[in-house]
Amino acid sequence: MNMKLKRLMAFYIDVAIAALLAVLVNGILLFCNIRVITPMIAILAWFALFCKDCFGGASAGKRIIGIQVIDANTGQIASPLKCVFRNLFYFLTFVECIAMYYSSNGLRIGDYASHTKVILYNKALQSPKLSQSILAIGYALIGLLLFELFYYFRASSFGLQGFLYQ
């Protein structure tokens, strides 16, 4: 099986896991009678996709398929911040798929921007520290929360000023 197909299969597994997580959280919140705004659940799924490679450069889908993300410059496992940055380009999903398909070396736009590439899983590579993973996940969470607040205030009939001075 070629690398492009492996990457695509791993991505589909990761999307299924992110969607399942979002549906599960939504169900739990509804069961607890907690009002849920639909975009919040979608943002939870995006968060899972952005942070999926933070531990050892491999998401659940990549581990199942047997591939991982490495730093193209050093040949070591990509740092969690690089993994989050490369995954931010999933917002361009259709463009990313076309870029990977037509790229001679199978790289996505996120790979080019973050100087990473995907290789067969290599146990010998040293994983980044847990603190780096937690920091990268924290940055992604703060960014998505700020995005959610912006989205909420933009969609609100009151806006930020109405929210603050009610």
C-alpha atoms as a PDB file:
ATOM      1  CA  MET A   1       0.000   0.000   0.000  1.00  0.00           C
ATOM      2  CA  ASN A   2       1.427   3.398  -0.909  1.00  0.00           C
ATOM      3  CA  MET A   3       1.974   6.211   1.600  1.00  0.00           C
ATOM      4  CA  LYS A   4      -0.795   8.468   0.224  1.00  0.00           C
ATOM      5  CA  LEU A   5      -3.376   5.741   0.726  1.00  0.00           C
ATOM      6  CA  LYS A   6      -2.062   4.990   4.221  1.00  0.00           C
ATOM      7  CA  ARG A   7      -2.320   8.667   5.139  1.00  0.00           C
ATOM      8  CA  LEU A   8      -5.854   8.883   3.784  1.00  0.00           C
ATOM      9  CA  MET A   9      -6.947   5.784   5.695  1.00  0.00           C
ATOM     10  CA  ALA A  10      -5.398   7.128   8.910  1.00  0.00           C
ATOM     11  CA  PHE A  11      -7.178  10.461   8.371  1.00  0.00           C
ATOM     12  CA  TYR A  12     -10.545   8.727   7.939  1.00  0.00           C
ATOM     13  CA  ILE A  13      -9.991   6.769  11.148  1.00  0.00           C
ATOM     14  CA  ASP A  14      -9.104   9.995  12.987  1.00  0.00           C
ATOM     15  CA  VAL A  15     -12.157  11.832  11.630  1.00  0.00           C
ATOM     16  CA  ALA A  16     -14.380   8.944  12.720  1.00  0.00           C
ATOM     17  CA  ILE A  17     -12.850   9.052  16.214  1.00  0.00           C
ATOM     18  CA  ALA A  18     -13.259  12.861  16.428  1.00  0.00           C
ATOM     19  CA  ALA A  19     -16.883  12.639  15.276  1.00  0.00           C
ATOM     20  CA  LEU A  20     -17.598   9.820  17.716  1.00  0.00           C
ATOM     21  CA  LEU A  21     -16.038  11.837  20.545  1.00  0.00           C
ATOM     22  CA  ALA A  22     -18.138  14.890  19.640  1.00  0.00           C
ATOM     23  CA  VAL A  23     -21.350  12.845  19.465  1.00  0.00           C
ATOM     24  CA  LEU A  24     -20.541  11.155  22.781  1.00  0.00           C
ATOM     25  CA  VAL A  25     -19.869  14.473  24.542  1.00  0.00           C
ATOM     26  CA  ASN A  26     -23.020  15.953  23.021  1.00  0.00           C
ATOM     27  CA  GLY A  27     -25.070  12.985  24.255  1.00  0.00           C
ATOM     28  CA  ILE A  28     -23.646  13.219  27.766  1.00  0.00           C
ATOM     29  CA  LEU A  29     -24.323  16.957  27.956  1.00  0.00           C
ATOM     30  CA  LEU A  30     -27.884  16.541  26.679  1.00  0.00           C
ATOM     31  CA  PHE A  31     -28.458  13.692  29.142  1.00  0.00           C
ATOM     32  CA  CYS A  32     -27.338  16.030  31.937  1.00  0.00           C
ATOM     33  CA  ASN A  33     -29.745  18.728  30.650  1.00  0.00           C
ATOM     34  CA  ILE A  34     -26.894  21.040  29.750  1.00  0.00           C
ATOM     35  CA  ARG A  35     -27.754  23.333  26.854  1.00  0.00           C
ATOM     36  CA  VAL A  36     -25.409  22.700  23.952  1.00  0.00           C
ATOM     37  CA  ILE A  37     -24.729  25.063  21.084  1.00  0.00           C
ATOM     38  CA  THR A  38     -24.052  23.044  17.919  1.00  0.00           C
ATOM     39  CA  PRO A  39     -20.884  24.947  16.899  1.00  0.00           C
ATOM     40  CA  MET A  40     -19.353  24.044  20.272  1.00  0.00           C
ATOM     41  CA  ILE A  41     -19.584  20.352  19.409  1.00  0.00           C
ATOM     42  CA  ALA A  42     -18.069  20.979  15.978  1.00  0.00           C
ATOM     43  CA  ILE A  43     -15.227  22.895  17.595  1.00  0.00           C
ATOM     44  CA  LEU A  44     -14.629  19.936  19.922  1.00  0.00           C
ATOM     45  CA  ALA A  45     -14.216  17.712  16.857  1.00  0.00           C
ATOM     46  CA  TRP A  46     -11.806  20.230  15.274  1.00  0.00           C
ATOM     47  CA  PHE A  47      -9.854  20.350  18.547  1.00  0.00           C
ATOM     48  CA  ALA A  48      -9.488  16.566  18.477  1.00  0.00           C
ATOM     49  CA  LEU A  49      -8.248  16.733  14.880  1.00  0.00           C
ATOM     50  CA  PHE A  50      -5.788  19.541  15.572  1.00  0.00           C
ATOM     51  CA  CYS A  51      -4.224  17.794  18.569  1.00  0.00           C
ATOM     52  CA  LYS A  52      -4.340  14.218  17.287  1.00  0.00           C
ATOM     53  CA  ASP A  53      -0.608  13.909  16.540  1.00  0.00           C
ATOM     54  CA  CYS A  54       0.681  15.518  19.751  1.00  0.00           C
ATOM     55  CA  PHE A  55       1.759  12.262  21.389  1.00  0.00           C
ATOM     56  CA  GLY A  56       4.671  10.639  19.618  1.00  0.00           C
ATOM     57  CA  GLY A  57       3.826  12.194  16.250  1.00  0.00           C
ATOM     58  CA  ALA A  58       1.101   9.635  15.629  1.00  0.00           C
ATOM     59  CA  SER A  59      -2.654   9.773  16.053  1.00  0.00           C
ATOM     60  CA  ALA A  60      -4.769   6.702  16.717  1.00  0.00           C
ATOM     61  CA  GLY A  61      -5.335   6.305  12.986  1.00  0.00           C
ATOM     62  CA  LYS A  62      -1.631   6.661  12.223  1.00  0.00           C
ATOM     63  CA  ARG A  63      -0.757   4.105  14.913  1.00  0.00           C
ATOM     64  CA  ILE A  64      -3.258   1.611  13.482  1.00  0.00           C
ATOM     65  CA  ILE A  65      -1.933   2.111   9.941  1.00  0.00           C
ATOM     66  CA  GLY A  66       1.729   2.220  11.076  1.00  0.00           C
ATOM     67  CA  ILE A  67       2.874   5.730  10.155  1.00  0.00           C
ATOM     68  CA  GLN A  68       4.031   8.823  12.060  1.00  0.00           C
ATOM     69  CA  VAL A  69       4.897  12.505  11.602  1.00  0.00           C
ATOM     70  CA  ILE A  70       8.545  13.556  11.723  1.00  0.00           C
ATOM     71  CA  ASP A  71      10.405  16.830  11.427  1.00  0.00           C
ATOM     72  CA  ALA A  72      11.734  17.000   7.857  1.00  0.00           C
ATOM     73  CA  ASN A  73      14.846  18.879   9.005  1.00  0.00           C
ATOM     74  CA  THR A  74      15.962  16.673  11.915  1.00  0.00           C
ATOM     75  CA  GLY A  75      14.422  13.298  11.065  1.00  0.00           C
ATOM     76  CA  GLN A  76      13.094  13.059  14.647  1.00  0.00           C
ATOM     77  CA  ILE A  77       9.457  12.936  15.740  1.00  0.00           C
ATOM     78  CA  ALA A  78       7.852  16.311  15.053  1.00  0.00           C
ATOM     79  CA  SER A  79       7.278  18.508  18.089  1.00  0.00           C
ATOM     80  CA  PRO A  80       3.685  18.736  19.324  1.00  0.00           C
ATOM     81  CA  LEU A  81       3.533  22.429  18.356  1.00  0.00           C
ATOM     82  CA  LYS A  82       4.571  21.550  14.806  1.00  0.00           C
ATOM     83  CA  CYS A  83       1.922  18.833  14.738  1.00  0.00           C
ATOM     84  CA  VAL A  84      -0.808  21.248  15.857  1.00  0.00           C
ATOM     85  CA  PHE A  85       0.377  23.851  13.338  1.00  0.00           C
ATOM     86  CA  ARG A  86       0.366  21.349  10.456  1.00  0.00           C
ATOM     87  CA  ASN A  87      -3.095  20.146  11.440  1.00  0.00           C
ATOM     88  CA  LEU A  88      -4.508  23.690  11.447  1.00  0.00           C
ATOM     89  CA  PHE A  89      -4.455  23.396   7.677  1.00  0.00           C
ATOM     90  CA  TYR A  90      -7.311  20.872   7.888  1.00  0.00           C
ATOM     91  CA  PHE A  91      -9.534  23.937   7.553  1.00  0.00           C
ATOM     92  CA  LEU A  92      -8.525  23.697   3.884  1.00  0.00           C
ATOM     93  CA  THR A  93      -9.556  20.033   3.717  1.00  0.00           C
ATOM     94  CA  PHE A  94     -10.433  19.834   0.024  1.00  0.00           C
ATOM     95  CA  VAL A  95      -7.384  21.859  -1.007  1.00  0.00           C
ATOM     96  CA  GLU A  96      -5.198  19.740   1.295  1.00  0.00           C
ATOM     97  CA  CYS A  97      -6.412  16.523  -0.336  1.00  0.00           C
ATOM     98  CA  ILE A  98      -5.732  17.855  -3.825  1.00  0.00           C
ATOM     99  CA  ALA A  99      -2.281  19.120  -2.800  1.00  0.00           C
ATOM    100  CA  MET A 100      -1.348  15.755  -1.289  1.00  0.00           C
ATOM    101  CA  TYR A 101      -2.686  13.806  -4.255  1.00  0.00           C
ATOM    102  CA  TYR A 102      -0.800  15.854  -6.846  1.00  0.00           C
ATOM    103  CA  SER A 103       2.366  16.338  -4.811  1.00  0.00           C
ATOM    104  CA  SER A 104       5.149  14.083  -6.043  1.00  0.00           C
ATOM    105  CA  ASN A 105       6.223  13.291  -2.477  1.00  0.00           C
ATOM    106  CA  GLY A 106       2.703  13.151  -0.980  1.00  0.00           C
ATOM    107  CA  LEU A 107       3.041  16.212   1.256  1.00  0.00           C
ATOM    108  CA  ARG A 108       0.066  18.328   2.357  1.00  0.00           C
ATOM    109  CA  ILE A 109       0.139  22.114   2.592  1.00  0.00           C
ATOM    110  CA  GLY A 110       0.424  21.677   6.375  1.00  0.00           C
ATOM    111  CA  ASP A 111       3.529  19.543   5.853  1.00  0.00           C
ATOM    112  CA  TYR A 112       5.149  22.180   3.665  1.00  0.00           C
ATOM    113  CA  ALA A 113       4.297  24.976   6.125  1.00  0.00           C
ATOM    114  CA  SER A 114       5.543  23.107   9.204  1.00  0.00           C
ATOM    115  CA  HIS A 115       8.494  21.291   7.547  1.00  0.00           C
ATOM    116  CA  THR A 116       7.192  17.849   8.445  1.00  0.00           C
ATOM    117  CA  LYS A 117       6.642  14.596   6.591  1.00  0.00           C
ATOM    118  CA  VAL A 118       4.999  11.253   7.270  1.00  0.00           C
ATOM    119  CA  ILE A 119       7.024   8.049   7.348  1.00  0.00           C
ATOM    120  CA  LEU A 120       6.510   4.442   8.382  1.00  0.00           C
ATOM    121  CA  TYR A 121       6.363   4.102  12.167  1.00  0.00           C
ATOM    122  CA  ASN A 122       9.813   3.899  13.751  1.00  0.00           C
ATOM    123  CA  LYS A 123      10.043   2.854  17.420  1.00  0.00           C
ATOM    124  CA  ALA A 124      13.662   4.003  17.621  1.00  0.00           C
ATOM    125  CA  LEU A 125      12.723   7.694  17.380  1.00  0.00           C
ATOM    126  CA  GLN A 126      12.528   9.531  20.692  1.00  0.00           C
ATOM    127  CA  SER A 127       9.160  11.076  21.587  1.00  0.00           C
ATOM    128  CA  PRO A 128       8.938  14.708  22.723  1.00  0.00           C
ATOM    129  CA  LYS A 129       8.390  15.355  26.425  1.00  0.00           C
ATOM    130  CA  LEU A 130       4.861  15.142  27.841  1.00  0.00           C
ATOM    131  CA  SER A 131       5.086  18.790  28.929  1.00  0.00           C
ATOM    132  CA  GLN A 132       5.534  19.821  25.277  1.00  0.00           C
ATOM    133  CA  SER A 133       2.403  17.899  24.326  1.00  0.00           C
ATOM    134  CA  ILE A 134       0.391  19.484  27.130  1.00  0.00           C
ATOM    135  CA  LEU A 135       1.619  22.950  26.138  1.00  0.00           C
ATOM    136  CA  ALA A 136       0.667  22.427  22.480  1.00  0.00           C
ATOM    137  CA  ILE A 137      -2.775  21.138  23.460  1.00  0.00           C
ATOM    138  CA  GLY A 138      -3.199  24.169  25.753  1.00  0.00           C
ATOM    139  CA  TYR A 139      -2.346  26.569  22.930  1.00  0.00           C
ATOM    140  CA  ALA A 140      -4.828  24.830  20.626  1.00  0.00           C
ATOM    141  CA  LEU A 141      -7.519  24.939  23.315  1.00  0.00           C
ATOM    142  CA  ILE A 142      -6.992  28.651  24.002  1.00  0.00           C
ATOM    143  CA  GLY A 143      -7.064  29.400  20.274  1.00  0.00           C
ATOM    144  CA  LEU A 144     -10.289  27.484  19.733  1.00  0.00           C
ATOM    145  CA  LEU A 145     -11.921  29.071  22.793  1.00  0.00           C
ATOM    146  CA  LEU A 146     -11.035  32.529  21.453  1.00  0.00           C
ATOM    147  CA  PHE A 147     -12.463  31.510  18.089  1.00  0.00           C
ATOM    148  CA  GLU A 148     -15.632  30.296  19.809  1.00  0.00           C
ATOM    149  CA  LEU A 149     -15.991  33.578  21.718  1.00  0.00           C
ATOM    150  CA  PHE A 150     -15.496  35.555  18.510  1.00  0.00           C
ATOM    151  CA  TYR A 151     -18.075  33.374  16.749  1.00  0.00           C
ATOM    152  CA  TYR A 152     -20.540  33.746  19.626  1.00  0.00           C
ATOM    153  CA  PHE A 153     -20.252  37.525  19.854  1.00  0.00           C
ATOM    154  CA  ARG A 154     -20.423  37.908  16.097  1.00  0.00           C
ATOM    155  CA  ALA A 155     -23.585  35.780  15.898  1.00  0.00           C
ATOM    156  CA  SER A 156     -25.174  37.328  19.004  1.00  0.00           C
ATOM    157  CA  SER A 157     -27.751  40.063  18.470  1.00  0.00           C
ATOM    158  CA  PHE A 158     -26.158  41.916  21.404  1.00  0.00           C
ATOM    159  CA  GLY A 159     -22.548  41.670  20.307  1.00  0.00           C
ATOM    160  CA  LEU A 160     -19.689  41.993  22.784  1.00  0.00           C
ATOM    161  CA  GLN A 161     -20.830  45.401  24.061  1.00  0.00           C
ATOM    162  CA  GLY A 162     -24.350  44.123  24.772  1.00  0.00           C
ATOM    163  CA  PHE A 163     -22.941  41.063  26.524  1.00  0.00           C
ATOM    164  CA  LEU A 164     -20.663  43.108  28.778  1.00  0.00           C
ATOM    165  CA  TYR A 165     -23.209  45.820  29.695  1.00  0.00           C
ATOM    166  CA  GLN A 166     -26.478  43.901  30.148  1.00  0.00           C
END
